[in-house]
Amino acid sequence: ALNTSYADRASSWTNVEASAGTVAALTWIKLGMIFDPDNSSRCLRFFVNGIETSSAVTKSTLSGLTYLDAVALGPVAAVFADSGAAATLHMDWWRYAQITR
């Protein structure tokens, strides 16, 4: 399962949505994240294969984090295996952009 989550180094990872998408062996998946400080109800949003997930993080939740102003907001990719078998992640391409206003 694909989970969306966040952390600010003062706390452990907080799941925004468990099972936001399905990951299958030998398939590609497109992931996205948007941080929009002008959107108070959906300030941090996630996308799976171009479709916005149902859960998001509010601006008040992000503002309440301890180290939000001291650390960068960026993507993290991690793979965990449920068994002793090896888990491998291949990233074909990725793009990261910051647009200022």
Protein backbone atom coordinates (compact mmCIF):
# COMPACT_ATOMS: atom_id res chain seq x y z
CA ALA A 1 0.00 0.00 0.00
CA LEU A 2 1.08 3.57 -0.62
CA ASN A 3 0.82 5.92 2.37
CA THR A 4 1.04 9.71 2.40
CA SER A 5 2.62 11.24 5.51
CA TYR A 6 4.61 14.13 6.97
CA ALA A 7 7.03 14.82 9.83
CA ASP A 8 8.87 17.85 11.20
CA ARG A 9 11.80 16.18 13.01
CA ALA A 10 10.18 16.92 16.39
CA SER A 11 7.65 14.11 15.99
CA SER A 12 7.35 10.73 14.34
CA TRP A 13 5.80 10.36 10.89
CA THR A 14 2.10 11.24 10.77
CA ASN A 15 0.01 9.40 8.19
CA VAL A 16 -2.25 11.64 6.15
CA GLU A 17 -3.81 8.73 4.30
CA ALA A 18 -3.05 5.05 4.66
CA SER A 19 -3.48 3.10 1.42
CA ALA A 20 -3.68 6.24 -0.74
CA GLY A 21 -2.74 4.06 -3.68
CA THR A 22 -1.85 0.52 -4.68
CA VAL A 23 1.68 -0.48 -5.58
CA ALA A 24 2.11 -3.61 -7.68
CA ALA A 25 5.28 -5.39 -8.71
CA LEU A 26 6.78 -4.40 -12.06
CA THR A 27 4.45 -1.43 -12.59
CA TRP A 28 5.06 2.32 -12.71
CA ILE A 29 3.22 4.82 -10.55
CA LYS A 30 3.21 8.62 -10.77
CA LEU A 31 3.24 10.52 -7.45
CA GLY A 32 2.80 14.22 -6.77
CA MET A 33 2.66 16.67 -3.88
CA ILE A 34 1.56 20.31 -3.76
CA PHE A 35 2.14 22.75 -0.93
CA ASP A 36 -0.22 25.72 -1.29
CA PRO A 37 -0.05 28.10 1.69
CA ASP A 38 -3.05 30.06 0.33
CA ASN A 39 -5.35 27.02 0.64
CA SER A 40 -6.25 26.77 4.34
CA SER A 41 -8.23 23.51 4.15
CA ARG A 42 -5.97 21.59 1.73
CA CYS A 43 -2.57 23.21 2.22
CA LEU A 44 -0.59 20.00 1.58
CA ARG A 45 -2.08 17.75 -1.08
CA PHE A 46 -0.95 14.47 -2.63
CA PHE A 47 -1.62 12.89 -6.03
CA VAL A 48 -1.43 9.30 -7.27
CA ASN A 49 -1.37 8.79 -11.04
CA GLY A 50 -2.62 12.35 -11.57
CA ILE A 51 -5.60 12.02 -9.23
CA GLU A 52 -5.72 13.96 -5.97
CA THR A 53 -6.02 11.73 -2.89
CA SER A 54 -9.04 12.22 -0.63
CA SER A 55 -7.08 13.35 2.44
CA ALA A 56 -4.97 16.51 2.81
CA VAL A 57 -3.25 18.52 5.54
CA THR A 58 -4.71 21.82 6.70
CA LYS A 59 -2.71 25.03 7.05
CA SER A 60 -3.43 25.15 10.80
CA THR A 61 -1.99 21.63 11.23
CA LEU A 62 1.20 22.57 9.38
CA SER A 63 1.49 25.87 11.27
CA GLY A 64 1.34 23.97 14.56
CA LEU A 65 4.44 21.89 13.79
CA THR A 66 7.52 22.64 15.86
CA TYR A 67 10.21 22.89 13.19
CA LEU A 68 8.27 23.80 10.06
CA ASP A 69 10.21 27.04 9.63
CA ALA A 70 13.60 25.39 10.17
CA VAL A 71 13.49 22.45 7.78
CA ALA A 72 12.68 22.03 4.11
CA LEU A 73 9.43 20.58 2.81
CA GLY A 74 10.24 17.94 0.23
CA PRO A 75 9.49 14.46 -1.06
CA VAL A 76 10.75 11.25 0.55
CA ALA A 77 10.61 7.86 -1.15
CA ALA A 78 11.00 4.73 0.98
CA VAL A 79 10.39 1.04 0.40
CA PHE A 80 9.59 -1.45 3.16
CA ALA A 81 9.24 -5.22 2.75
CA ASP A 82 6.85 -7.27 4.89
CA SER A 83 9.12 -10.30 4.68
CA GLY A 84 12.82 -11.08 4.49
CA ALA A 85 12.73 -10.64 0.71
CA ALA A 86 14.58 -7.71 -0.81
CA ALA A 87 12.58 -4.61 -1.76
CA THR A 88 13.75 -2.51 -4.69
CA LEU A 89 12.60 0.90 -5.90
CA HIS A 90 13.36 2.15 -9.41
CA MET A 91 12.75 5.82 -10.16
CA ASP A 92 12.63 6.44 -13.91
CA TRP A 93 12.59 10.22 -13.61
CA TRP A 94 11.59 12.82 -11.08
CA ARG A 95 11.05 16.56 -11.06
CA TYR A 96 11.04 18.97 -8.17
CA ALA A 97 10.09 22.64 -8.50
CA GLN A 98 9.52 25.55 -6.20
CA ILE A 99 7.40 28.41 -7.48
CA THR A 100 7.48 31.64 -5.49
CA ARG A 101 4.91 34.36 -5.57
